[in-house]
Each structure stands twice: as structure tokens, then as C-alpha cells.
Amino acid sequence: SGGGLVEAGGSLRLSCAGSGRTFYAMGWFRQCPGKEREFVAAVA
């Protein structure tokens, strides 16, 4: 959750809730049309 439209220079905060089991690490990727999915950040 947390995506949306923002002006350049602005801020957004994304959230991700995992469930169903334990996780060693979680993170974020992003993808634009015609491009490969790109690593953004992760936390162990």
C-alpha cells in the first residue's frame, strides 16, 4: 500500500505486510514498462 501520484521533490511511504509464514528478508523492486525488474532496497 502507499503508492500514488506525487510531484517531483515530494515524498511517499510504501508499506508491505507479509503473512502466512516467517521471512528471512523483505524488500522492494520496481519495474517500468519495457524494462527489467530493478532492485531498490531490502532488509534482512
All heavy atoms as atom14 arrays in JSON, in Angstrom:
{
  "sequence": "SGGGLVEAGGSLRLSCAGSGRTFYAMGWFRQCPGKEREFVAAVA",
  "atom14_mask": [
    [1, 1, 1, 1, 1, 1, 0, 0, 0, 0, 0, 0, 0, 0],
    [1, 1, 1, 1, 0, 0, 0, 0, 0, 0, 0, 0, 0, 0],
    [1, 1, 1, 1, 0, 0, 0, 0, 0, 0, 0, 0, 0, 0],
    [1, 1, 1, 1, 0, 0, 0, 0, 0, 0, 0, 0, 0, 0],
    [1, 1, 1, 1, 1, 1, 1, 1, 0, 0, 0, 0, 0, 0],
    [1, 1, 1, 1, 1, 1, 1, 0, 0, 0, 0, 0, 0, 0],
    [1, 1, 1, 1, 1, 1, 1, 1, 1, 0, 0, 0, 0, 0],
    [1, 1, 1, 1, 1, 0, 0, 0, 0, 0, 0, 0, 0, 0],
    [1, 1, 1, 1, 0, 0, 0, 0, 0, 0, 0, 0, 0, 0],
    [1, 1, 1, 1, 0, 0, 0, 0, 0, 0, 0, 0, 0, 0],
    [1, 1, 1, 1, 1, 1, 0, 0, 0, 0, 0, 0, 0, 0],
    [1, 1, 1, 1, 1, 1, 1, 1, 0, 0, 0, 0, 0, 0],
    [1, 1, 1, 1, 1, 1, 1, 1, 1, 1, 1, 0, 0, 0],
    [1, 1, 1, 1, 1, 1, 1, 1, 0, 0, 0, 0, 0, 0],
    [1, 1, 1, 1, 1, 1, 0, 0, 0, 0, 0, 0, 0, 0],
    [1, 1, 1, 1, 1, 1, 0, 0, 0, 0, 0, 0, 0, 0],
    [1, 1, 1, 1, 1, 0, 0, 0, 0, 0, 0, 0, 0, 0],
    [1, 1, 1, 1, 0, 0, 0, 0, 0, 0, 0, 0, 0, 0],
    [1, 1, 1, 1, 1, 1, 0, 0, 0, 0, 0, 0, 0, 0],
    [1, 1, 1, 1, 0, 0, 0, 0, 0, 0, 0, 0, 0, 0],
    [1, 1, 1, 1, 1, 1, 1, 1, 1, 1, 1, 0, 0, 0],
    [1, 1, 1, 1, 1, 1, 1, 0, 0, 0, 0, 0, 0, 0],
    [1, 1, 1, 1, 1, 1, 1, 1, 1, 1, 1, 0, 0, 0],
    [1, 1, 1, 1, 1, 1, 1, 1, 1, 1, 1, 1, 0, 0],
    [1, 1, 1, 1, 1, 0, 0, 0, 0, 0, 0, 0, 0, 0],
    [1, 1, 1, 1, 1, 1, 1, 1, 0, 0, 0, 0, 0, 0],
    [1, 1, 1, 1, 0, 0, 0, 0, 0, 0, 0, 0, 0, 0],
    [1, 1, 1, 1, 1, 1, 1, 1, 1, 1, 1, 1, 1, 1],
    [1, 1, 1, 1, 1, 1, 1, 1, 1, 1, 1, 0, 0, 0],
    [1, 1, 1, 1, 1, 1, 1, 1, 1, 1, 1, 0, 0, 0],
    [1, 1, 1, 1, 1, 1, 1, 1, 1, 0, 0, 0, 0, 0],
    [1, 1, 1, 1, 1, 1, 0, 0, 0, 0, 0, 0, 0, 0],
    [1, 1, 1, 1, 1, 1, 1, 0, 0, 0, 0, 0, 0, 0],
    [1, 1, 1, 1, 0, 0, 0, 0, 0, 0, 0, 0, 0, 0],
    [1, 1, 1, 1, 1, 1, 1, 1, 1, 0, 0, 0, 0, 0],
    [1, 1, 1, 1, 1, 1, 1, 1, 1, 0, 0, 0, 0, 0],
    [1, 1, 1, 1, 1, 1, 1, 1, 1, 1, 1, 0, 0, 0],
    [1, 1, 1, 1, 1, 1, 1, 1, 1, 0, 0, 0, 0, 0],
    [1, 1, 1, 1, 1, 1, 1, 1, 1, 1, 1, 0, 0, 0],
    [1, 1, 1, 1, 1, 1, 1, 0, 0, 0, 0, 0, 0, 0],
    [1, 1, 1, 1, 1, 0, 0, 0, 0, 0, 0, 0, 0, 0],
    [1, 1, 1, 1, 1, 0, 0, 0, 0, 0, 0, 0, 0, 0],
    [1, 1, 1, 1, 1, 1, 1, 0, 0, 0, 0, 0, 0, 0],
    [1, 1, 1, 1, 1, 0, 0, 0, 0, 0, 0, 0, 0, 0]
  ],
  "atom14_positions": [
    [[0.85, -1.18, 0.0], [0.0, 0.0, 0.0], [0.89, 1.24, 0.0], [2.08, 1.15, 0.29], [-0.95, 0.02, 1.2], [-0.23, 0.07, 2.42], [0.0, 0.0, 0.0], [0.0, 0.0, 0.0], [0.0, 0.0, 0.0], [0.0, 0.0, 0.0], [0.0, 0.0, 0.0], [0.0, 0.0, 0.0], [0.0, 0.0, 0.0], [0.0, 0.0, 0.0]],
    [[0.3, 2.37, -0.31], [1.01, 3.63, -0.19], [1.41, 4.29, -1.49], [1.9, 5.42, -1.48], [0.0, 0.0, 0.0], [0.0, 0.0, 0.0], [0.0, 0.0, 0.0], [0.0, 0.0, 0.0], [0.0, 0.0, 0.0], [0.0, 0.0, 0.0], [0.0, 0.0, 0.0], [0.0, 0.0, 0.0], [0.0, 0.0, 0.0], [0.0, 0.0, 0.0]],
    [[1.23, 3.61, -2.61], [1.57, 4.22, -3.88], [0.61, 5.34, -4.22], [-0.44, 5.51, -3.6], [0.0, 0.0, 0.0], [0.0, 0.0, 0.0], [0.0, 0.0, 0.0], [0.0, 0.0, 0.0], [0.0, 0.0, 0.0], [0.0, 0.0, 0.0], [0.0, 0.0, 0.0], [0.0, 0.0, 0.0], [0.0, 0.0, 0.0], [0.0, 0.0, 0.0]],
    [[0.99, 6.11, -5.21], [0.15, 7.2, -5.64], [0.88, 8.16, -6.54], [1.95, 7.85, -7.07], [0.0, 0.0, 0.0], [0.0, 0.0, 0.0], [0.0, 0.0, 0.0], [0.0, 0.0, 0.0], [0.0, 0.0, 0.0], [0.0, 0.0, 0.0], [0.0, 0.0, 0.0], [0.0, 0.0, 0.0], [0.0, 0.0, 0.0], [0.0, 0.0, 0.0]],
    [[0.28, 9.31, -6.71], [0.82, 10.37, -7.55], [1.41, 11.45, -6.67], [0.76, 11.92, -5.73], [-0.29, 10.95, -8.43], [0.07, 12.15, -9.3], [1.1, 11.77, -10.35], [-1.2, 12.69, -9.95], [0.0, 0.0, 0.0], [0.0, 0.0, 0.0], [0.0, 0.0, 0.0], [0.0, 0.0, 0.0], [0.0, 0.0, 0.0], [0.0, 0.0, 0.0]],
    [[2.63, 11.84, -6.97], [3.31, 12.87, -6.19], [4.13, 13.75, -7.12], [4.59, 13.3, -8.17], [4.2, 12.22, -5.1], [5.35, 11.44, -5.72], [4.72, 13.26, -4.12], [0.0, 0.0, 0.0], [0.0, 0.0, 0.0], [0.0, 0.0, 0.0], [0.0, 0.0, 0.0], [0.0, 0.0, 0.0], [0.0, 0.0, 0.0], [0.0, 0.0, 0.0]],
    [[4.3, 14.99, -6.74], [5.12, 15.91, -7.52], [6.6, 15.64, -7.27], [6.99, 15.14, -6.22], [4.8, 17.35, -7.15], [3.39, 17.79, -7.51], [3.12, 19.23, -7.14], [4.0, 19.87, -6.52], [2.03, 19.72, -7.47], [0.0, 0.0, 0.0], [0.0, 0.0, 0.0], [0.0, 0.0, 0.0], [0.0, 0.0, 0.0], [0.0, 0.0, 0.0]],
    [[7.42, 15.96, -8.26], [8.86, 15.84, -8.1], [9.32, 16.59, -6.85], [8.88, 17.71, -6.59], [9.58, 16.37, -9.33], [0.0, 0.0, 0.0], [0.0, 0.0, 0.0], [0.0, 0.0, 0.0], [0.0, 0.0, 0.0], [0.0, 0.0, 0.0], [0.0, 0.0, 0.0], [0.0, 0.0, 0.0], [0.0, 0.0, 0.0], [0.0, 0.0, 0.0]],
    [[10.21, 15.96, -6.1], [10.67, 16.52, -4.85], [9.86, 16.12, -3.65], [10.28, 16.37, -2.5], [0.0, 0.0, 0.0], [0.0, 0.0, 0.0], [0.0, 0.0, 0.0], [0.0, 0.0, 0.0], [0.0, 0.0, 0.0], [0.0, 0.0, 0.0], [0.0, 0.0, 0.0], [0.0, 0.0, 0.0], [0.0, 0.0, 0.0], [0.0, 0.0, 0.0]],
    [[8.74, 15.5, -3.87], [7.86, 15.08, -2.8], [8.25, 13.74, -2.22], [9.28, 13.15, -2.56], [0.0, 0.0, 0.0], [0.0, 0.0, 0.0], [0.0, 0.0, 0.0], [0.0, 0.0, 0.0], [0.0, 0.0, 0.0], [0.0, 0.0, 0.0], [0.0, 0.0, 0.0], [0.0, 0.0, 0.0], [0.0, 0.0, 0.0], [0.0, 0.0, 0.0]],
    [[7.38, 13.24, -1.35], [7.65, 12.0, -0.63], [6.45, 11.08, -0.65], [5.3, 11.52, -0.73], [8.0, 12.3, 0.83], [9.17, 13.09, 0.94], [0.0, 0.0, 0.0], [0.0, 0.0, 0.0], [0.0, 0.0, 0.0], [0.0, 0.0, 0.0], [0.0, 0.0, 0.0], [0.0, 0.0, 0.0], [0.0, 0.0, 0.0], [0.0, 0.0, 0.0]],
    [[6.75, 9.81, -0.57], [5.74, 8.77, -0.39], [6.31, 7.73, 0.56], [7.52, 7.54, 0.63], [5.36, 8.09, -1.7], [4.45, 8.84, -2.67], [4.36, 8.06, -3.98], [3.08, 9.04, -2.08], [0.0, 0.0, 0.0], [0.0, 0.0, 0.0], [0.0, 0.0, 0.0], [0.0, 0.0, 0.0], [0.0, 0.0, 0.0], [0.0, 0.0, 0.0]],
    [[5.42, 7.03, 1.24], [5.82, 5.94, 2.11], [5.04, 4.69, 1.73], [3.81, 4.67, 1.84], [5.56, 6.29, 3.58], [6.01, 5.24, 4.59], [5.84, 5.78, 6.0], [6.24, 4.87, 7.04], [5.4, 4.13, 7.77], [4.09, 4.22, 7.56], [5.86, 3.34, 8.71], [0.0, 0.0, 0.0], [0.0, 0.0, 0.0], [0.0, 0.0, 0.0]],
    [[5.75, 3.69, 1.28], [5.14, 2.43, 0.91], [5.18, 1.47, 2.09], [6.13, 1.48, 2.89], [5.87, 1.79, -0.27], [6.04, 2.63, -1.53], [6.72, 1.8, -2.62], [4.71, 3.18, -2.02], [0.0, 0.0, 0.0], [0.0, 0.0, 0.0], [0.0, 0.0, 0.0], [0.0, 0.0, 0.0], [0.0, 0.0, 0.0], [0.0, 0.0, 0.0]],
    [[4.17, 0.63, 2.18], [4.11, -0.39, 3.21], [3.85, -1.74, 2.57], [3.17, -1.84, 1.55], [2.99, -0.1, 4.21], [3.2, 1.13, 4.87], [0.0, 0.0, 0.0], [0.0, 0.0, 0.0], [0.0, 0.0, 0.0], [0.0, 0.0, 0.0], [0.0, 0.0, 0.0], [0.0, 0.0, 0.0], [0.0, 0.0, 0.0], [0.0, 0.0, 0.0]],
    [[4.38, -2.78, 3.18], [4.13, -4.14, 2.73], [3.99, -5.04, 3.94], [4.92, -5.11, 4.76], [5.26, -4.63, 1.83], [5.1, -6.36, 1.33], [0.0, 0.0, 0.0], [0.0, 0.0, 0.0], [0.0, 0.0, 0.0], [0.0, 0.0, 0.0], [0.0, 0.0, 0.0], [0.0, 0.0, 0.0], [0.0, 0.0, 0.0], [0.0, 0.0, 0.0]],
    [[2.88, -5.72, 4.04], [2.63, -6.63, 5.14], [2.68, -8.07, 4.64], [1.92, -8.44, 3.73], [1.27, -6.34, 5.77], [0.0, 0.0, 0.0], [0.0, 0.0, 0.0], [0.0, 0.0, 0.0], [0.0, 0.0, 0.0], [0.0, 0.0, 0.0], [0.0, 0.0, 0.0], [0.0, 0.0, 0.0], [0.0, 0.0, 0.0], [0.0, 0.0, 0.0]],
    [[3.57, -8.85, 5.21], [3.68, -10.25, 4.88], [2.94, -11.11, 5.88], [2.84, -10.79, 7.06], [0.0, 0.0, 0.0], [0.0, 0.0, 0.0], [0.0, 0.0, 0.0], [0.0, 0.0, 0.0], [0.0, 0.0, 0.0], [0.0, 0.0, 0.0], [0.0, 0.0, 0.0], [0.0, 0.0, 0.0], [0.0, 0.0, 0.0], [0.0, 0.0, 0.0]],
    [[2.42, -12.23, 5.4], [1.71, -13.14, 6.28], [1.8, -14.56, 5.73], [2.14, -14.77, 4.56], [0.25, -12.72, 6.45], [-0.44, -12.75, 5.22], [0.0, 0.0, 0.0], [0.0, 0.0, 0.0], [0.0, 0.0, 0.0], [0.0, 0.0, 0.0], [0.0, 0.0, 0.0], [0.0, 0.0, 0.0], [0.0, 0.0, 0.0], [0.0, 0.0, 0.0]],
    [[1.47, -15.52, 6.56], [1.41, -16.91, 6.14], [2.61, -17.74, 6.52], [2.51, -18.98, 6.53], [0.0, 0.0, 0.0], [0.0, 0.0, 0.0], [0.0, 0.0, 0.0], [0.0, 0.0, 0.0], [0.0, 0.0, 0.0], [0.0, 0.0, 0.0], [0.0, 0.0, 0.0], [0.0, 0.0, 0.0], [0.0, 0.0, 0.0], [0.0, 0.0, 0.0]],
    [[3.72, -17.11, 6.85], [4.93, -17.81, 7.27], [5.95, -16.79, 7.71], [5.72, -15.58, 7.62], [5.49, -18.7, 6.15], [5.94, -17.94, 4.91], [6.98, -18.76, 4.15], [8.22, -18.87, 4.89], [9.03, -19.93, 4.87], [8.71, -21.0, 4.15], [10.15, -19.91, 5.57], [0.0, 0.0, 0.0], [0.0, 0.0, 0.0], [0.0, 0.0, 0.0]],
    [[7.1, -17.27, 8.16], [8.2, -16.38, 8.5], [8.99, -16.03, 7.25], [8.97, -16.75, 6.25], [9.14, -17.01, 9.54], [9.66, -18.24, 9.01], [8.39, -17.31, 10.83], [0.0, 0.0, 0.0], [0.0, 0.0, 0.0], [0.0, 0.0, 0.0], [0.0, 0.0, 0.0], [0.0, 0.0, 0.0], [0.0, 0.0, 0.0], [0.0, 0.0, 0.0]],
    [[9.7, -14.91, 7.31], [10.51, -14.44, 6.19], [11.89, -14.05, 6.7], [12.02, -13.4, 7.74], [9.86, -13.23, 5.53], [8.46, -13.46, 5.07], [7.39, -13.04, 5.84], [8.21, -14.09, 3.86], [6.09, -13.25, 5.43], [6.91, -14.31, 3.44], [5.85, -13.89, 4.22], [0.0, 0.0, 0.0], [0.0, 0.0, 0.0], [0.0, 0.0, 0.0]],
    [[12.92, -14.44, 5.95], [14.28, -14.04, 6.31], [14.55, -12.59, 5.93], [15.2, -11.86, 6.67], [15.3, -14.95, 5.62], [16.71, -14.49, 5.84], [17.37, -14.77, 7.03], [17.39, -13.76, 4.87], [18.66, -14.34, 7.25], [18.68, -13.33, 5.08], [19.31, -13.62, 6.28], [20.6, -13.19, 6.49], [0.0, 0.0, 0.0], [0.0, 0.0, 0.0]],
    [[14.07, -12.2, 4.75], [14.32, -10.86, 4.27], [13.13, -10.39, 3.46], [12.4, -11.18, 2.86], [15.57, -10.82, 3.4], [0.0, 0.0, 0.0], [0.0, 0.0, 0.0], [0.0, 0.0, 0.0], [0.0, 0.0, 0.0], [0.0, 0.0, 0.0], [0.0, 0.0, 0.0], [0.0, 0.0, 0.0], [0.0, 0.0, 0.0], [0.0, 0.0, 0.0]],
    [[12.94, -9.09, 3.45], [11.91, -8.47, 2.64], [12.5, -7.23, 1.98], [13.44, -6.63, 2.5], [10.68, -8.1, 3.47], [9.98, -9.3, 4.08], [8.58, -8.87, 5.15], [7.41, -8.22, 3.93], [0.0, 0.0, 0.0], [0.0, 0.0, 0.0], [0.0, 0.0, 0.0], [0.0, 0.0, 0.0], [0.0, 0.0, 0.0], [0.0, 0.0, 0.0]],
    [[11.93, -6.87, 0.85], [12.46, -5.72, 0.16], [11.54, -5.22, -0.93], [10.37, -5.6, -1.01], [0.0, 0.0, 0.0], [0.0, 0.0, 0.0], [0.0, 0.0, 0.0], [0.0, 0.0, 0.0], [0.0, 0.0, 0.0], [0.0, 0.0, 0.0], [0.0, 0.0, 0.0], [0.0, 0.0, 0.0], [0.0, 0.0, 0.0], [0.0, 0.0, 0.0]],
    [[12.11, -4.35, -1.74], [11.36, -3.69, -2.79], [12.1, -3.72, -4.11], [13.32, -3.49, -4.15], [11.09, -2.22, -2.43], [10.24, -2.05, -1.21], [10.65, -1.93, 0.08], [8.81, -2.0, -1.18], [9.58, -1.8, 0.92], [8.44, -1.84, 0.17], [7.82, -2.06, -2.16], [7.1, -1.75, 0.56], [6.5, -1.98, -1.77], [6.16, -1.82, -0.42]],
    [[11.38, -4.0, -5.17], [11.84, -3.86, -6.54], [10.9, -2.9, -7.25], [9.79, -2.64, -6.79], [11.84, -5.2, -7.26], [12.97, -6.12, -6.86], [13.01, -6.71, -5.62], [13.99, -6.4, -7.77], [14.04, -7.56, -5.26], [15.02, -7.26, -7.43], [15.05, -7.83, -6.17], [0.0, 0.0, 0.0], [0.0, 0.0, 0.0], [0.0, 0.0, 0.0]],
    [[11.34, -2.41, -8.4], [10.46, -1.58, -9.21], [10.65, -1.94, -10.67], [11.69, -2.44, -11.07], [10.72, -0.09, -8.98], [12.1, 0.39, -9.39], [12.3, 1.82, -8.92], [13.59, 2.36, -9.33], [14.05, 3.54, -8.96], [13.33, 4.32, -8.15], [15.24, 3.96, -9.38], [0.0, 0.0, 0.0], [0.0, 0.0, 0.0], [0.0, 0.0, 0.0]],
    [[9.62, -1.66, -11.46], [9.65, -2.02, -12.86], [8.88, -1.0, -13.69], [7.75, -0.64, -13.36], [9.06, -3.41, -13.07], [9.21, -3.95, -14.48], [8.86, -5.42, -14.55], [8.07, -5.92, -13.77], [9.47, -6.12, -15.5], [0.0, 0.0, 0.0], [0.0, 0.0, 0.0], [0.0, 0.0, 0.0], [0.0, 0.0, 0.0], [0.0, 0.0, 0.0]],
    [[9.51, -0.57, -14.75], [8.88, 0.3, -15.74], [8.56, -0.52, -16.97], [9.22, -1.53, -17.24], [9.8, 1.45, -16.12], [10.23, 2.55, -14.76], [0.0, 0.0, 0.0], [0.0, 0.0, 0.0], [0.0, 0.0, 0.0], [0.0, 0.0, 0.0], [0.0, 0.0, 0.0], [0.0, 0.0, 0.0], [0.0, 0.0, 0.0], [0.0, 0.0, 0.0]],
    [[7.57, -0.09, -17.76], [7.26, -0.81, -18.99], [8.48, -0.95, -19.89], [9.21, 0.01, -20.12], [6.18, 0.05, -19.64], [5.53, 0.75, -18.5], [6.65, 1.03, -17.54], [0.0, 0.0, 0.0], [0.0, 0.0, 0.0], [0.0, 0.0, 0.0], [0.0, 0.0, 0.0], [0.0, 0.0, 0.0], [0.0, 0.0, 0.0], [0.0, 0.0, 0.0]],
    [[8.72, -2.16, -20.37], [9.83, -2.42, -21.26], [11.17, -2.6, -20.58], [12.18, -2.79, -21.26], [0.0, 0.0, 0.0], [0.0, 0.0, 0.0], [0.0, 0.0, 0.0], [0.0, 0.0, 0.0], [0.0, 0.0, 0.0], [0.0, 0.0, 0.0], [0.0, 0.0, 0.0], [0.0, 0.0, 0.0], [0.0, 0.0, 0.0], [0.0, 0.0, 0.0]],
    [[11.2, -2.54, -19.25], [12.44, -2.7, -18.52], [12.35, -3.89, -17.57], [11.27, -4.33, -17.2], [12.78, -1.44, -17.72], [13.04, -0.21, -18.56], [13.43, 0.97, -17.69], [13.73, 2.19, -18.52], [14.12, 3.35, -17.67], [0.0, 0.0, 0.0], [0.0, 0.0, 0.0], [0.0, 0.0, 0.0], [0.0, 0.0, 0.0], [0.0, 0.0, 0.0]],
    [[13.52, -4.4, -17.19], [13.57, -5.49, -16.23], [13.27, -4.97, -14.83], [13.47, -3.8, -14.52], [14.94, -6.16, -16.25], [15.27, -6.87, -17.55], [16.6, -7.57, -17.5], [17.35, -7.39, -16.52], [16.9, -8.32, -18.45], [0.0, 0.0, 0.0], [0.0, 0.0, 0.0], [0.0, 0.0, 0.0], [0.0, 0.0, 0.0], [0.0, 0.0, 0.0]],
    [[12.78, -5.87, -14.0], [12.54, -5.52, -12.62], [13.86, -5.18, -11.93], [14.84, -5.92, -12.03], [11.83, -6.67, -11.91], [11.22, -6.28, -10.58], [10.23, -7.35, -10.09], [9.07, -7.46, -10.96], [8.01, -8.2, -10.69], [7.97, -8.93, -9.57], [6.99, -8.25, -11.54], [0.0, 0.0, 0.0], [0.0, 0.0, 0.0], [0.0, 0.0, 0.0]],
    [[13.9, -4.06, -11.23], [15.11, -3.49, -10.68], [15.08, -3.5, -9.15], [14.1, -3.07, -8.54], [15.27, -2.06, -11.19], [16.44, -1.28, -10.6], [16.38, 0.19, -10.96], [15.28, 0.7, -11.26], [17.45, 0.84, -10.95], [0.0, 0.0, 0.0], [0.0, 0.0, 0.0], [0.0, 0.0, 0.0], [0.0, 0.0, 0.0], [0.0, 0.0, 0.0]],
    [[16.17, -3.94, -8.55], [16.29, -3.91, -7.1], [16.3, -2.48, -6.59], [16.95, -1.61, -7.16], [17.58, -4.62, -6.68], [17.86, -4.53, -5.21], [17.23, -5.37, -4.32], [18.77, -3.61, -4.72], [17.49, -5.3, -2.96], [19.04, -3.52, -3.37], [18.39, -4.37, -2.49], [0.0, 0.0, 0.0], [0.0, 0.0, 0.0], [0.0, 0.0, 0.0]],
    [[15.59, -2.25, -5.48], [15.56, -0.95, -4.86], [16.19, -0.98, -3.47], [17.13, -0.25, -3.18], [14.12, -0.4, -4.76], [14.1, 0.94, -4.02], [13.51, -0.26, -6.15], [0.0, 0.0, 0.0], [0.0, 0.0, 0.0], [0.0, 0.0, 0.0], [0.0, 0.0, 0.0], [0.0, 0.0, 0.0], [0.0, 0.0, 0.0], [0.0, 0.0, 0.0]],
    [[15.66, -1.83, -2.6], [16.14, -1.91, -1.21], [15.65, -3.19, -0.58], [14.64, -3.76, -1.0], [15.67, -0.7, -0.4], [0.0, 0.0, 0.0], [0.0, 0.0, 0.0], [0.0, 0.0, 0.0], [0.0, 0.0, 0.0], [0.0, 0.0, 0.0], [0.0, 0.0, 0.0], [0.0, 0.0, 0.0], [0.0, 0.0, 0.0], [0.0, 0.0, 0.0]],
    [[16.35, -3.63, 0.45], [15.94, -4.82, 1.19], [16.46, -4.75, 2.61], [17.44, -4.04, 2.9], [16.43, -6.1, 0.51], [0.0, 0.0, 0.0], [0.0, 0.0, 0.0], [0.0, 0.0, 0.0], [0.0, 0.0, 0.0], [0.0, 0.0, 0.0], [0.0, 0.0, 0.0], [0.0, 0.0, 0.0], [0.0, 0.0, 0.0], [0.0, 0.0, 0.0]],
    [[15.83, -5.5, 3.49], [16.28, -5.63, 4.87], [16.25, -7.1, 5.25], [15.29, -7.81, 4.95], [15.42, -4.79, 5.84], [13.95, -5.17, 5.77], [15.94, -4.92, 7.27], [0.0, 0.0, 0.0], [0.0, 0.0, 0.0], [0.0, 0.0, 0.0], [0.0, 0.0, 0.0], [0.0, 0.0, 0.0], [0.0, 0.0, 0.0], [0.0, 0.0, 0.0]],
    [[17.34, -7.56, 5.87], [17.39, -8.9, 6.45], [17.01, -8.77, 7.92], [17.66, -8.03, 8.66], [18.79, -9.49, 6.31], [0.0, 0.0, 0.0], [0.0, 0.0, 0.0], [0.0, 0.0, 0.0], [0.0, 0.0, 0.0], [0.0, 0.0, 0.0], [0.0, 0.0, 0.0], [0.0, 0.0, 0.0], [0.0, 0.0, 0.0], [0.0, 0.0, 0.0]]
  ]
}
